[in-house]
C-alpha atoms as a PDB file:
ATOM      1  CA  MET A   1       0.000   0.000   0.000  1.00  0.00           C
ATOM      2  CA  PRO A   2       1.249   3.521  -0.699  1.00  0.00           C
ATOM      3  CA  ARG A   3       1.924   6.006   2.072  1.00  0.00           C
ATOM      4  CA  GLU A   4      -0.937   8.177   0.827  1.00  0.00           C
ATOM      5  CA  ALA A   5      -3.398   5.429   1.757  1.00  0.00           C
ATOM      6  CA  LEU A   6      -2.298   5.572   5.411  1.00  0.00           C
ATOM      7  CA  VAL A   7      -2.129   9.275   6.228  1.00  0.00           C
ATOM      8  CA  SER A   8      -5.072  11.448   7.215  1.00  0.00           C
ATOM      9  CA  PRO A   9      -6.677  13.389   4.340  1.00  0.00           C
ATOM     10  CA  TYR A  10      -7.709  16.184   6.710  1.00  0.00           C
ATOM     11  CA  PRO A  11      -5.792  19.437   7.387  1.00  0.00           C
ATOM     12  CA  PHE A  12      -5.947  19.248  11.182  1.00  0.00           C
ATOM     13  CA  LYS A  13      -2.772  18.975  13.263  1.00  0.00           C
ATOM     14  CA  THR A  14      -4.446  18.001  16.556  1.00  0.00           C
ATOM     15  CA  ALA A  15      -7.440  15.984  17.671  1.00  0.00           C
ATOM     16  CA  GLN A  16      -8.776  19.017  19.527  1.00  0.00           C
ATOM     17  CA  ALA A  17      -8.808  21.145  16.372  1.00  0.00           C
ATOM     18  CA  HIS A  18     -10.482  18.324  14.453  1.00  0.00           C
ATOM     19  CA  TYR A  19     -13.160  17.776  17.098  1.00  0.00           C
ATOM     20  CA  GLU A  20     -13.876  21.496  17.413  1.00  0.00           C
ATOM     21  CA  ALA A  21     -14.278  21.792  13.625  1.00  0.00           C
ATOM     22  CA  LEU A  22     -16.700  18.861  13.532  1.00  0.00           C
ATOM     23  CA  LEU A  23     -18.615  20.289  16.499  1.00  0.00           C
ATOM     24  CA  ALA A  24     -18.927  23.628  14.690  1.00  0.00           C
ATOM     25  CA  GLU A  25     -20.306  21.842  11.621  1.00  0.00           C
ATOM     26  CA  VAL A  26     -22.857  19.989  13.719  1.00  0.00           C
ATOM     27  CA  LYS A  27     -23.886  23.184  15.537  1.00  0.00           C
ATOM     28  CA  ALA A  28     -24.356  24.950  12.195  1.00  0.00           C
ATOM     29  CA  LYS A  29     -26.980  22.304  11.397  1.00  0.00           C
ATOM     30  CA  GLY A  30     -28.775  22.855  14.720  1.00  0.00           C
ATOM     31  CA  GLY A  31     -27.034  20.066  16.682  1.00  0.00           C
ATOM     32  CA  PRO A  32     -25.602  18.250  18.478  1.00  0.00           C
ATOM     33  CA  THR A  33     -28.625  15.973  18.668  1.00  0.00           C
ATOM     34  CA  GLN A  34     -29.824  15.410  22.240  1.00  0.00           C
ATOM     35  CA  HIS A  35     -31.324  11.943  22.139  1.00  0.00           C
ATOM     36  CA  THR A  36     -33.836  10.519  24.600  1.00  0.00           C
ATOM     37  CA  TYR A  37     -34.728   6.863  25.081  1.00  0.00           C
ATOM     38  CA  GLN A  38     -37.522   7.450  22.557  1.00  0.00           C
ATOM     39  CA  THR A  39     -35.233   8.883  19.838  1.00  0.00           C
ATOM     40  CA  VAL A  40     -31.847   7.184  20.402  1.00  0.00           C
ATOM     41  CA  PRO A  41     -30.950   4.952  17.421  1.00  0.00           C
ATOM     42  CA  GLY A  42     -31.668   1.635  19.070  1.00  0.00           C
ATOM     43  CA  GLU A  43     -30.988  -0.227  15.822  1.00  0.00           C
ATOM     44  CA  TRP A  44     -27.281   0.340  16.530  1.00  0.00           C
ATOM     45  CA  THR A  45     -27.565  -1.897  19.613  1.00  0.00           C
ATOM     46  CA  GLY A  46     -26.583  -5.457  18.847  1.00  0.00           C
ATOM     47  CA  ARG A  47     -23.887  -7.848  17.668  1.00  0.00           C
ATOM     48  CA  TYR A  48     -21.534  -7.100  14.776  1.00  0.00           C
ATOM     49  CA  SER A  49     -19.280  -9.439  12.843  1.00  0.00           C
ATOM     50  CA  ARG A  50     -15.499  -9.138  12.760  1.00  0.00           C
ATOM     51  CA  PRO A  51     -14.488  -5.771  11.219  1.00  0.00           C
ATOM     52  CA  SER A  52     -13.263  -5.557   7.644  1.00  0.00           C
ATOM     53  CA  GLU A  53      -9.510  -5.886   7.006  1.00  0.00           C
ATOM     54  CA  HIS A  54      -7.306  -2.784   6.776  1.00  0.00           C
ATOM     55  CA  TRP A  55      -3.653  -1.760   6.761  1.00  0.00           C
ATOM     56  CA  TYR A  56      -2.900  -1.766  10.498  1.00  0.00           C
ATOM     57  CA  SER A  57      -2.441  -5.534  10.660  1.00  0.00           C
ATOM     58  CA  MET A  58       0.764  -4.798   8.675  1.00  0.00           C
ATOM     59  CA  GLY A  59       0.196  -7.607   6.182  1.00  0.00           C
ATOM     60  CA  LYS A  60       0.048  -5.335   3.120  1.00  0.00           C
ATOM     61  CA  LEU A  61       2.814  -2.850   3.914  1.00  0.00           C
ATOM     62  CA  GLN A  62       6.540  -2.492   3.456  1.00  0.00           C
ATOM     63  CA  ILE A  63       8.493  -1.511   6.553  1.00  0.00           C
ATOM     64  CA  PRO A  64      10.016   1.626   4.938  1.00  0.00           C
ATOM     65  CA  THR A  65       6.474   2.899   4.304  1.00  0.00           C
ATOM     66  CA  VAL A  66       5.663   2.585   7.999  1.00  0.00           C
ATOM     67  CA  LEU A  67       9.000   4.139   8.992  1.00  0.00           C
ATOM     68  CA  SER A  68       8.164   7.232   6.954  1.00  0.00           C
ATOM     69  CA  LEU A  69       5.259   7.850   9.356  1.00  0.00           C
ATOM     70  CA  LEU A  70       7.325   7.642  12.552  1.00  0.00           C
ATOM     71  CA  THR A  71       9.607   9.971  14.490  1.00  0.00           C
ATOM     72  CA  PRO A  72      13.267   8.873  14.877  1.00  0.00           C
ATOM     73  CA  GLU A  73      12.872   7.259  18.317  1.00  0.00           C
ATOM     74  CA  TYR A  74       9.840   5.255  17.200  1.00  0.00           C
ATOM     75  CA  GLN A  75      11.531   4.348  13.918  1.00  0.00           C
ATOM     76  CA  THR A  76      14.336   2.796  15.976  1.00  0.00           C
ATOM     77  CA  ARG A  77      11.936   0.821  18.139  1.00  0.00           C
ATOM     78  CA  PHE A  78       9.990  -0.444  15.119  1.00  0.00           C
ATOM     79  CA  VAL A  79      13.150  -1.571  13.285  1.00  0.00           C
ATOM     80  CA  GLN A  80      14.453  -3.337  16.391  1.00  0.00           C
ATOM     81  CA  GLU A  81      11.236  -5.277  16.837  1.00  0.00           C
ATOM     82  CA  ALA A  82      10.981  -6.185  13.148  1.00  0.00           C
ATOM     83  CA  TYR A  83      14.609  -7.330  13.116  1.00  0.00           C
ATOM     84  CA  HIS A  84      14.178  -9.658  16.072  1.00  0.00           C
ATOM     85  CA  GLN A  85      10.910 -11.114  14.803  1.00  0.00           C
ATOM     86  CA  GLY A  86      12.361 -11.762  11.353  1.00  0.00           C
ATOM     87  CA  ASN A  87      15.981 -12.682  12.093  1.00  0.00           C
ATOM     88  CA  THR A  88      16.470 -13.930  15.639  1.00  0.00           C
ATOM     89  CA  ASN A  89      12.982 -15.359  16.221  1.00  0.00           C
ATOM     90  CA  VAL A  90      12.827 -13.395  19.478  1.00  0.00           C
ATOM     91  CA  ALA A  91       9.395 -11.834  19.550  1.00  0.00           C
ATOM     92  CA  HIS A  92       7.814 -10.280  22.635  1.00  0.00           C
ATOM     93  CA  TRP A  93       4.065  -9.900  22.352  1.00  0.00           C
ATOM     94  CA  PRO A  94       1.915  -8.584  25.220  1.00  0.00           C
ATOM     95  CA  SER A  95      -0.498 -11.512  24.942  1.00  0.00           C
ATOM     96  CA  GLN A  96       2.372 -14.005  25.383  1.00  0.00           C
ATOM     97  CA  TYR A  97       2.905 -12.731  28.907  1.00  0.00           C
ATOM     98  CA  CYS A  98      -0.693 -11.852  29.811  1.00  0.00           C
ATOM     99  CA  TRP A  99       0.221  -8.168  29.659  1.00  0.00           C
ATOM    100  CA  PRO A 100      -2.404  -5.551  28.766  1.00  0.00           C
ATOM    101  CA  GLU A 101      -3.042  -5.274  25.042  1.00  0.00           C
ATOM    102  CA  GLY A 102      -3.447  -1.496  24.927  1.00  0.00           C
ATOM    103  CA  PHE A 103      -5.535   0.979  22.966  1.00  0.00           C
ATOM    104  CA  MET A 104      -4.340   0.269  19.417  1.00  0.00           C
ATOM    105  CA  ARG A 105      -4.941  -3.466  19.700  1.00  0.00           C
ATOM    106  CA  ARG A 106      -8.613  -2.692  19.046  1.00  0.00           C
ATOM    107  CA  TRP A 107      -7.627  -2.245  15.383  1.00  0.00           C
ATOM    108  CA  HIS A 108      -5.630  -5.459  15.009  1.00  0.00           C
ATOM    109  CA  ALA A 109      -7.672  -8.085  13.185  1.00  0.00           C
ATOM    110  CA  ALA A 110      -6.320 -11.008  15.212  1.00  0.00           C
ATOM    111  CA  ALA A 111      -7.290  -9.383  18.513  1.00  0.00           C
ATOM    112  CA  VAL A 112     -10.951  -8.521  18.065  1.00  0.00           C
ATOM    113  CA  GLY A 113     -13.756 -10.670  16.716  1.00  0.00           C
ATOM    114  CA  ASP A 114     -17.423  -9.904  17.139  1.00  0.00           C
ATOM    115  CA  HIS A 115     -18.328  -6.500  18.563  1.00  0.00           C
ATOM    116  CA  GLN A 116     -21.284  -5.778  20.809  1.00  0.00           C
ATOM    117  CA  ILE A 117     -22.646  -2.238  20.877  1.00  0.00           C
ATOM    118  CA  MET A 118     -25.131  -0.784  23.350  1.00  0.00           C
ATOM    119  CA  VAL A 119     -26.601   2.669  22.800  1.00  0.00           C
ATOM    120  CA  THR A 120     -28.214   4.871  25.459  1.00  0.00           C
ATOM    121  CA  PRO A 121     -28.808   8.649  25.450  1.00  0.00           C
ATOM    122  CA  GLN A 122     -25.841   9.323  27.773  1.00  0.00           C
ATOM    123  CA  LEU A 123     -23.473   6.450  26.997  1.00  0.00           C
ATOM    124  CA  VAL A 124     -22.477   4.299  24.036  1.00  0.00           C
ATOM    125  CA  GLN A 125     -20.547   1.154  24.966  1.00  0.00           C
ATOM    126  CA  ILE A 126     -18.579  -0.996  22.521  1.00  0.00           C
ATOM    127  CA  MET A 127     -17.239  -4.378  23.655  1.00  0.00           C
ATOM    128  CA  ALA A 128     -14.967  -6.773  21.808  1.00  0.00           C
ATOM    129  CA  GLY A 129     -12.732  -9.666  22.701  1.00  0.00           C
ATOM    130  CA  VAL A 130     -10.429 -12.496  21.563  1.00  0.00           C
ATOM    131  CA  ALA A 131      -6.990 -11.390  22.760  1.00  0.00           C
ATOM    132  CA  ARG A 132      -8.397  -9.397  25.673  1.00  0.00           C
ATOM    133  CA  ASN A 133     -11.515  -7.624  26.873  1.00  0.00           C
ATOM    134  CA  PHE A 134     -11.805  -4.365  24.932  1.00  0.00           C
ATOM    135  CA  VAL A 135     -14.348  -1.892  26.297  1.00  0.00           C
ATOM    136  CA  THR A 136     -14.946   1.573  24.859  1.00  0.00           C
ATOM    137  CA  ASN A 137     -17.242   3.878  26.822  1.00  0.00           C
ATOM    138  CA  ILE A 138     -18.283   7.022  24.941  1.00  0.00           C
ATOM    139  CA  TYR A 139     -19.729   9.693  27.232  1.00  0.00           C
ATOM    140  CA  ILE A 140     -22.229  11.694  25.185  1.00  0.00           C
ATOM    141  CA  GLY A 141     -22.171  15.457  25.643  1.00  0.00           C
ATOM    142  CA  ARG A 142     -19.385  15.550  28.227  1.00  0.00           C
ATOM    143  CA  GLN A 143     -16.344  17.826  27.987  1.00  0.00           C
ATOM    144  CA  PHE A 144     -12.696  17.139  28.763  1.00  0.00           C
ATOM    145  CA  ASN A 145     -10.786  18.626  31.668  1.00  0.00           C
ATOM    146  CA  MET A 146      -7.936  20.452  29.902  1.00  0.00           C
ATOM    147  CA  THR A 147      -5.673  21.004  32.942  1.00  0.00           C
ATOM    148  CA  GLY A 148      -3.611  17.811  32.740  1.00  0.00           C
ATOM    149  CA  LEU A 149      -0.860  16.560  30.479  1.00  0.00           C
ATOM    150  CA  VAL A 150      -3.557  15.665  27.944  1.00  0.00           C
ATOM    151  CA  PRO A 151      -7.339  16.201  27.886  1.00  0.00           C
ATOM    152  CA  ARG A 152      -9.092  13.840  30.286  1.00  0.00           C
ATOM    153  CA  ILE A 153     -12.349  13.037  32.081  1.00  0.00           C
ATOM    154  CA  GLY A 154     -11.070  11.458  35.303  1.00  0.00           C
ATOM    155  CA  ALA A 155      -7.751  11.560  37.132  1.00  0.00           C
ATOM    156  CA  ASP A 156      -4.592  12.756  35.393  1.00  0.00           C
ATOM    157  CA  VAL A 157      -3.502   9.126  34.883  1.00  0.00           C
ATOM    158  CA  PRO A 158      -3.317   7.412  31.457  1.00  0.00           C
ATOM    159  CA  ARG A 159      -5.870   4.649  30.808  1.00  0.00           C
ATOM    160  CA  TRP A 160      -5.274   1.559  28.677  1.00  0.00           C
ATOM    161  CA  TYR A 161      -8.218   2.416  26.431  1.00  0.00           C
ATOM    162  CA  GLY A 162      -8.244   6.141  27.070  1.00  0.00           C
ATOM    163  CA  GLU A 163     -11.336   8.196  27.841  1.00  0.00           C
ATOM    164  CA  SER A 164     -13.881   9.185  25.187  1.00  0.00           C
ATOM    165  CA  ILE A 165     -16.444  11.933  24.756  1.00  0.00           C
ATOM    166  CA  GLY A 166     -18.869  12.197  21.865  1.00  0.00           C
ATOM    167  CA  ILE A 167     -21.728  13.967  20.114  1.00  0.00           C
ATOM    168  CA  TRP A 168     -24.529  12.796  17.857  1.00  0.00           C
ATOM    169  CA  ASP A 169     -25.029  14.280  14.400  1.00  0.00           C
ATOM    170  CA  GLY A 170     -28.636  13.238  13.917  1.00  0.00           C
ATOM    171  CA  SER A 171     -29.247   9.506  14.274  1.00  0.00           C
ATOM    172  CA  ASP A 172     -26.797   8.246  11.680  1.00  0.00           C
ATOM    173  CA  ALA A 173     -23.432   9.635  12.872  1.00  0.00           C
ATOM    174  CA  LEU A 174     -21.584   9.504  16.189  1.00  0.00           C
ATOM    175  CA  ILE A 175     -18.444  11.666  16.514  1.00  0.00           C
ATOM    176  CA  THR A 176     -15.981  10.874  19.315  1.00  0.00           C
ATOM    177  CA  TRP A 177     -12.725  12.233  20.745  1.00  0.00           C
ATOM    178  CA  THR A 178     -10.487   9.924  22.805  1.00  0.00           C
ATOM    179  CA  SER A 179      -7.572  11.077  24.978  1.00  0.00           C
ATOM    180  CA  ASN A 180      -5.631  10.091  28.126  1.00  0.00           C
ATOM    181  CA  ILE A 181      -4.337   6.886  26.500  1.00  0.00           C
ATOM    182  CA  GLN A 182      -1.534   4.773  27.975  1.00  0.00           C
ATOM    183  CA  GLY A 183       1.348   4.492  25.520  1.00  0.00           C
ATOM    184  CA  TRP A 184       2.091   0.877  24.547  1.00  0.00           C
ATOM    185  CA  LYS A 185       2.736  -1.492  21.673  1.00  0.00           C
ATOM    186  CA  VAL A 186       0.995  -3.968  19.379  1.00  0.00           C
ATOM    187  CA  HIS A 187       3.025  -6.865  18.044  1.00  0.00           C
ATOM    188  CA  ALA A 188       4.130  -6.433  14.425  1.00  0.00           C
ATOM    189  CA  ALA A 189       2.968  -2.799  14.515  1.00  0.00           C
ATOM    190  CA  PHE A 190       4.593   0.434  15.670  1.00  0.00           C
ATOM    191  CA  GLU A 191       4.418   1.719  19.241  1.00  0.00           C
ATOM    192  CA  HIS A 192       2.282   4.688  20.292  1.00  0.00           C
ATOM    193  CA  SER A 193       2.870   7.211  23.068  1.00  0.00           C
ATOM    194  CA  SER A 194       0.715   8.505  25.907  1.00  0.00           C
ATOM    195  CA  LYS A 195       0.098  11.628  23.789  1.00  0.00           C
ATOM    196  CA  LEU A 196      -1.989   9.629  21.319  1.00  0.00           C
ATOM    197  CA  GLN A 197      -5.490  10.975  20.717  1.00  0.00           C
ATOM    198  CA  THR A 198      -8.137   9.925  18.196  1.00  0.00           C
ATOM    199  CA  ILE A 199     -11.120  11.333  16.393  1.00  0.00           C
ATOM    200  CA  GLU A 200     -13.528   8.548  15.468  1.00  0.00           C
ATOM    201  CA  ILE A 201     -16.686   8.781  13.389  1.00  0.00           C
ATOM    202  CA  TYR A 202     -19.244   5.980  13.391  1.00  0.00           C
ATOM    203  CA  SER A 203     -21.653   6.308  10.440  1.00  0.00           C
ATOM    204  CA  ALA A 204     -24.738   4.199   9.781  1.00  0.00           C
ATOM    205  CA  ASN A 205     -24.819   2.062   6.636  1.00  0.00           C
ATOM    206  CA  ARG A 206     -28.185   1.349   4.986  1.00  0.00           C
ATOM    207  CA  ASP A 207     -29.323  -0.763   2.066  1.00  0.00           C
ATOM    208  CA  ALA A 208     -31.376   0.480  -0.883  1.00  0.00           C
ATOM    209  CA  GLY A 209     -34.538   0.106   1.164  1.00  0.00           C
ATOM    210  CA  GLY A 210     -33.200   2.189   4.044  1.00  0.00           C
ATOM    211  CA  ARG A 211     -32.651  -0.778   6.371  1.00  0.00           C
ATOM    212  CA  PHE A 212     -29.756  -0.398   8.827  1.00  0.00           C
ATOM    213  CA  THR A 213     -26.994  -2.892   7.951  1.00  0.00           C
ATOM    214  CA  GLY A 214     -24.030  -1.796  10.064  1.00  0.00           C
ATOM    215  CA  LEU A 215     -21.468   0.929  10.632  1.00  0.00           C
ATOM    216  CA  THR A 216     -18.514   2.530   8.925  1.00  0.00           C
ATOM    217  CA  HIS A 217     -15.856   3.339  11.534  1.00  0.00           C
ATOM    218  CA  GLU A 218     -13.349   6.038  10.555  1.00  0.00           C
ATOM    219  CA  ALA A 219     -10.505   6.765  12.994  1.00  0.00           C
ATOM    220  CA  ILE A 220      -7.850   9.480  12.737  1.00  0.00           C
ATOM    221  CA  PHE A 221      -4.808   9.118  15.021  1.00  0.00           C
ATOM    222  CA  TYR A 222      -2.890  12.111  16.363  1.00  0.00           C
ATOM    223  CA  ASP A 223       0.363  11.342  18.203  1.00  0.00           C
ATOM    224  CA  PRO A 224       2.965  14.170  18.145  1.00  0.00           C
ATOM    225  CA  GLU A 225       5.538  11.987  19.905  1.00  0.00           C
ATOM    226  CA  ALA A 226       5.360   8.888  17.698  1.00  0.00           C
ATOM    227  CA  LEU A 227       3.915  10.096  14.365  1.00  0.00           C
ATOM    228  CA  VAL A 228       5.238  12.725  11.977  1.00  0.00           C
ATOM    229  CA  GLU A 229       1.687  13.318  10.754  1.00  0.00           C
ATOM    230  CA  PRO A 230      -1.770  11.915  11.566  1.00  0.00           C
ATOM    231  CA  VAL A 231      -2.824   8.562  10.109  1.00  0.00           C
ATOM    232  CA  ARG A 232      -6.235   7.080   9.387  1.00  0.00           C
ATOM    233  CA  ILE A 233      -7.970   3.686   9.477  1.00  0.00           C
ATOM    234  CA  VAL A 234     -11.410   3.007   7.976  1.00  0.00           C
ATOM    235  CA  ARG A 235     -13.237  -0.256   8.605  1.00  0.00           C
ATOM    236  CA  THR A 236     -16.767  -1.652   8.429  1.00  0.00           C
ATOM    237  CA  PHE A 237     -18.912  -3.404  11.050  1.00  0.00           C
ATOM    238  CA  ASN A 238     -21.746  -5.506   9.595  1.00  0.00           C
ATOM    239  CA  LYS A 239     -24.595  -6.065  12.016  1.00  0.00           C
ATOM    240  CA  ALA A 240     -25.165  -9.746  12.723  1.00  0.00           C
ATOM    241  CA  SER A 241     -28.179  -9.564  15.043  1.00  0.00           C
ATOM    242  CA  GLY A 242     -29.810  -7.777  17.900  1.00  0.00           C
ATOM    243  CA  PRO A 243     -28.951  -8.645  21.511  1.00  0.00           C
ATOM    244  CA  ASP A 244     -31.823 -11.131  21.574  1.00  0.00           C
ATOM    245  CA  GLU A 245     -29.903 -13.564  19.355  1.00  0.00           C
ATOM    246  CA  GLY A 246     -26.519 -15.275  19.317  1.00  0.00           C
ATOM    247  CA  ALA A 247     -24.056 -16.208  22.042  1.00  0.00           C
ATOM    248  CA  PRO A 248     -23.407 -13.813  24.936  1.00  0.00           C
ATOM    249  CA  HIS A 249     -20.187 -11.822  25.036  1.00  0.00           C
ATOM    250  CA  THR A 250     -17.224 -13.966  26.071  1.00  0.00           C
ATOM    251  CA  TYR A 251     -14.919 -12.389  28.639  1.00  0.00           C
ATOM    252  CA  ILE A 252     -11.253 -13.248  28.280  1.00  0.00           C
ATOM    253  CA  GLU A 253      -8.885 -14.131  31.125  1.00  0.00           C
ATOM    254  CA  CYS A 254      -5.236 -15.083  30.834  1.00  0.00           C
ATOM    255  CA  VAL A 255      -3.065 -17.505  32.826  1.00  0.00           C
ATOM    256  CA  GLN A 256       0.594 -16.980  32.001  1.00  0.00           C
ATOM    257  CA  THR A 257       2.521 -20.024  30.770  1.00  0.00           C
ATOM    258  CA  ILE A 258       5.208 -18.205  28.727  1.00  0.00           C
ATOM    259  CA  PHE A 259       7.969 -16.158  30.372  1.00  0.00           C
ATOM    260  CA  PRO A 260      11.001 -14.239  29.048  1.00  0.00           C
ATOM    261  CA  VAL A 261      13.985 -16.455  29.903  1.00  0.00           C
ATOM    262  CA  ASN A 262      17.379 -15.117  28.798  1.00  0.00           C
ATOM    263  CA  GLY A 263      15.554 -12.712  26.522  1.00  0.00           C
ATOM    264  CA  LYS A 264      13.437 -15.361  24.801  1.00  0.00           C
ATOM    265  CA  ALA A 265       9.765 -16.216  25.203  1.00  0.00           C
ATOM    266  CA  THR A 266       9.854 -19.666  26.805  1.00  0.00           C
ATOM    267  CA  PRO A 267       6.955 -22.004  27.733  1.00  0.00           C
ATOM    268  CA  LEU A 268       7.302 -23.266  31.293  1.00  0.00           C
ATOM    269  CA  SER A 269       5.569 -26.032  33.191  1.00  0.00           C
ATOM    270  CA  PRO A 270       3.897 -25.478  36.559  1.00  0.00           C
ATOM    271  CA  GLY A 271       6.437 -25.776  39.354  1.00  0.00           C
ATOM    272  CA  ALA A 272       9.359 -24.424  37.331  1.00  0.00           C
ATOM    273  CA  VAL A 273      11.533 -21.847  39.140  1.00  0.00           C
ATOM    274  CA  ILE A 274      13.230 -19.113  37.118  1.00  0.00           C
ATOM    275  CA  GLN A 275      14.985 -15.822  37.700  1.00  0.00           C
ATOM    276  CA  TYR A 276      12.699 -13.091  36.377  1.00  0.00           C
ATOM    277  CA  GLU A 277      13.359  -9.389  35.876  1.00  0.00           C
ATOM    278  CA  VAL A 278      10.176  -7.318  36.086  1.00  0.00           C
ATOM    279  CA  PRO A 279      10.032  -4.974  33.045  1.00  0.00           C
END
């Protein structure tokens, strides 16, 4: 894939500027929409199949293309990880060690399967699983506290999945801003910093007859520490059923059986004793 397919097509340099511009557009149309339980788009609530494939899984990219998106420090980290995965067979993946998966893992195809979405007037919740439990809570109509290192809702402490606020543009578009994210890594992909913020737009998809069929999810990533310019991912969620059908959400737990021994991920049997340096 070419570099142009990865970068954001928008002129904004920060998530705040992007969100404020979208908010101004919505206000110019008489919004944001203040939904009640009678008007909230309940058809969004339900189960969705695995999202469509996109570039972040790194299967359709050349490493130099990715490096062109990164600052020098994060270029170095990405090259080091790629070298050891491809040449020394020493890979360190968070899921190997039951570590947290982090915010960006939500976009890795191997980590998330079915999604479950629940819509209320004040809160939209998105759950997914496979590698871990991924929960996104979008607080409708709330505003960020701007006094910390980054915009936040709660304490001035980074969260694995960040904190998200959002507004409705009618019943067919939900605009969100996420901040206060804990910097981390995703195996085979580049690292992100705790300055990462996203603008995400969920748009309803309908067939020729107007029937709701799912969502288009557009995400723009702003990270002044790791990225030289914002990047974008677009994917599709196809609705599988309402909450009255299908299996319930499966929560994931992890019991560690692999440990880094002499720098290598090593399976160990119960009862084994090793010397372990806490990272």
